Amino acid sequence: MENSTFNGTFTVGISAEKCLSMFSDPMPLSKCIWGLESIERDGADFSCHVRFDISDAGVSYLSTISGKLKIHYTVEGNSLNLQGQGRVAGSKLTFTLNLMVVEKSGITEISWNGSFDFGLLIRSMGKDKIEKVSRSNIDKTISCIKEKMNPGLKN
């Protein structure tokens, strides 16, 4: 099954050091993760329940899907890595997400890339619909993170 990949770059109004500090404990930023219903920490691992709004996919009989994920989270230097797996809507889901935080001329840049294997969801809903819904949820998550890391600024 072909993986779906997403990537991007955005800037924030705090130092790279403060940004990394905020990412080192993902619990406060977890409220930004679109679709996250609950999260529990176990060392460097997390268990979470998710419920994703997929109404943008245009599937008349299905507006949300839910499931459970286990995520391993590591921070090394200026980079973060998340590796997750679980089941959503009965389908196996695996992903890897990498973030790199770099300060350039007083501006902190966050570059990220993710690779997702949506399993049978791709077959049942189609790759284009899954990627459209995913992009919408990613954009909402990034917007929230930018708001938290840009005190006093609206994005």
Protein backbone atom coordinates (compact mmCIF):
# COMPACT_ATOMS: atom_id res chain seq x y z
CA MET A 1 0.00 0.00 0.00
CA GLU A 2 1.35 3.42 -0.94
CA ASN A 3 2.11 5.88 1.87
CA SER A 4 0.75 9.41 1.90
CA THR A 5 3.34 12.07 2.60
CA PHE A 6 2.85 15.59 3.87
CA ASN A 7 5.40 18.31 4.65
CA GLY A 8 5.73 21.98 5.29
CA THR A 9 7.52 24.80 7.02
CA PHE A 10 6.23 27.56 9.26
CA THR A 11 7.76 30.24 11.49
CA VAL A 12 7.01 31.16 15.08
CA GLY A 13 7.75 34.22 17.19
CA ILE A 14 9.74 32.55 19.97
CA SER A 15 13.34 31.36 20.19
CA ALA A 16 14.29 27.89 18.98
CA GLU A 17 15.22 27.04 22.57
CA LYS A 18 11.77 27.99 23.90
CA CYS A 19 10.10 26.24 20.96
CA LEU A 20 12.01 23.02 21.67
CA SER A 21 11.13 23.36 25.34
CA MET A 22 7.43 23.56 24.44
CA PHE A 23 7.76 20.49 22.18
CA SER A 24 9.74 18.53 24.79
CA ASP A 25 6.52 18.00 26.74
CA PRO A 26 3.79 17.50 24.18
CA MET A 27 0.97 17.46 26.72
CA PRO A 28 0.31 21.27 26.65
CA LEU A 29 0.33 21.31 22.83
CA SER A 30 -1.86 18.20 22.63
CA LYS A 31 -4.92 20.47 22.68
CA CYS A 32 -3.83 21.61 19.21
CA ILE A 33 -3.96 18.14 17.70
CA TRP A 34 -7.17 18.12 15.73
CA GLY A 35 -9.29 15.08 16.56
CA LEU A 36 -7.45 14.13 19.76
CA GLU A 37 -10.00 13.18 22.41
CA SER A 38 -7.72 11.91 25.18
CA ILE A 39 -4.05 11.23 25.76
CA GLU A 40 -2.11 9.37 28.46
CA ARG A 41 1.65 9.42 28.94
CA ASP A 42 3.83 6.41 29.74
CA GLY A 43 7.45 7.61 29.67
CA ALA A 44 8.35 8.42 26.05
CA ASP A 45 5.18 6.71 24.82
CA PHE A 46 1.62 7.95 24.59
CA SER A 47 -1.73 6.27 24.17
CA CYS A 48 -4.53 8.29 22.73
CA HIS A 49 -8.10 8.11 21.53
CA VAL A 50 -8.90 10.03 18.37
CA ARG A 51 -12.09 11.04 16.60
CA PHE A 52 -11.52 12.64 13.22
CA ASP A 53 -14.09 14.78 11.44
CA ILE A 54 -14.09 13.48 7.87
CA SER A 55 -17.17 15.34 6.66
CA ASP A 56 -14.93 17.13 4.10
CA ALA A 57 -14.50 13.77 2.36
CA GLY A 58 -18.10 13.89 1.15
CA VAL A 59 -18.98 10.37 2.28
CA SER A 60 -22.69 10.75 3.06
CA TYR A 61 -22.90 7.82 5.47
CA LEU A 62 -19.80 8.71 7.51
CA SER A 63 -18.88 12.02 9.16
CA THR A 64 -16.42 10.87 11.86
CA ILE A 65 -14.05 7.99 12.41
CA SER A 66 -12.43 7.03 15.70
CA GLY A 67 -9.73 4.81 17.06
CA LYS A 68 -6.76 4.29 19.36
CA LEU A 69 -3.11 5.08 18.69
CA LYS A 70 0.18 4.40 20.46
CA ILE A 71 2.88 6.99 19.81
CA HIS A 72 6.59 6.90 20.62
CA TYR A 73 7.98 10.42 21.01
CA THR A 74 11.68 11.41 21.02
CA VAL A 75 13.47 14.76 21.11
CA GLU A 76 17.13 14.87 20.08
CA GLY A 77 18.95 18.16 19.62
CA ASN A 78 16.83 20.34 17.34
CA SER A 79 14.65 17.52 16.05
CA LEU A 80 11.58 15.63 17.19
CA ASN A 81 10.37 12.27 15.98
CA LEU A 82 6.98 10.66 16.48
CA GLN A 83 6.25 7.11 15.43
CA GLY A 84 2.72 5.89 15.80
CA GLN A 85 0.53 2.93 15.11
CA GLY A 86 -2.97 1.86 15.91
CA ARG A 87 -6.41 1.30 14.47
CA VAL A 88 -8.82 3.91 13.17
CA ALA A 89 -12.24 2.87 11.89
CA GLY A 90 -11.05 -0.73 12.11
CA SER A 91 -8.13 -0.10 9.76
CA LYS A 92 -4.46 -0.26 10.70
CA LEU A 93 -2.77 3.16 10.70
CA THR A 94 0.97 3.76 11.00
CA PHE A 95 2.88 7.01 10.71
CA THR A 96 6.20 8.75 11.21
CA LEU A 97 6.39 12.49 11.81
CA ASN A 98 9.66 14.45 11.98
CA LEU A 99 10.10 18.08 13.00
CA MET A 100 13.27 20.18 12.79
CA VAL A 101 13.51 23.48 14.69
CA VAL A 102 16.09 26.03 13.47
CA GLU A 103 16.62 29.65 14.43
CA LYS A 104 17.67 31.94 11.56
CA SER A 105 18.22 35.67 12.01
CA GLY A 106 15.99 35.79 15.10
CA ILE A 107 13.16 33.84 13.47
CA THR A 108 12.43 30.25 14.43
CA GLU A 109 11.55 27.97 11.55
CA ILE A 110 9.85 24.62 12.02
CA SER A 111 10.16 22.21 9.10
CA TRP A 112 8.16 19.00 9.26
CA ASN A 113 7.44 15.93 7.20
CA GLY A 114 5.20 12.98 7.78
CA SER A 115 4.57 9.64 6.16
CA PHE A 116 1.25 7.90 6.80
CA ASP A 117 0.00 4.45 5.88
CA PHE A 118 -3.78 4.62 6.16
CA GLY A 119 -4.23 0.92 5.42
CA LEU A 120 -7.68 -0.12 4.26
CA LEU A 121 -9.08 3.39 4.73
CA ILE A 122 -7.47 4.23 1.39
CA ARG A 123 -9.41 1.41 -0.29
CA SER A 124 -12.72 2.26 1.34
CA MET A 125 -12.59 6.06 0.94
CA GLY A 126 -9.99 6.71 -1.75
CA LYS A 127 -6.57 8.31 -1.46
CA ASP A 128 -7.69 11.77 -2.65
CA LYS A 129 -10.44 12.01 -0.02
CA ILE A 130 -8.18 10.76 2.80
CA GLU A 131 -5.44 13.23 1.84
CA LYS A 132 -7.94 16.12 1.61
CA VAL A 133 -9.28 15.41 5.11
CA SER A 134 -5.75 14.88 6.45
CA ARG A 135 -4.54 18.20 5.00
CA SER A 136 -7.50 20.00 6.57
CA ASN A 137 -6.73 18.51 10.01
CA ILE A 138 -2.98 19.21 9.63
CA ASP A 139 -3.66 22.86 8.72
CA LYS A 140 -5.90 23.32 11.78
CA THR A 141 -3.26 21.74 14.04
CA ILE A 142 -0.46 23.95 12.67
CA SER A 143 -2.60 27.06 13.00
CA CYS A 144 -3.21 26.28 16.69
CA ILE A 145 0.50 25.59 17.34
CA LYS A 146 1.42 28.89 15.65
CA GLU A 147 -1.05 30.75 17.88
CA LYS A 148 0.46 29.20 21.01
CA MET A 149 4.01 29.98 19.87
CA ASN A 150 3.30 33.52 18.65
CA PRO A 151 2.17 35.34 21.78
CA GLY A 152 -0.04 38.31 20.97
CA LEU A 153 -0.19 37.60 17.23
CA LYS A 154 -3.15 36.27 15.25
CA ASN A 155 -2.32 33.96 12.33
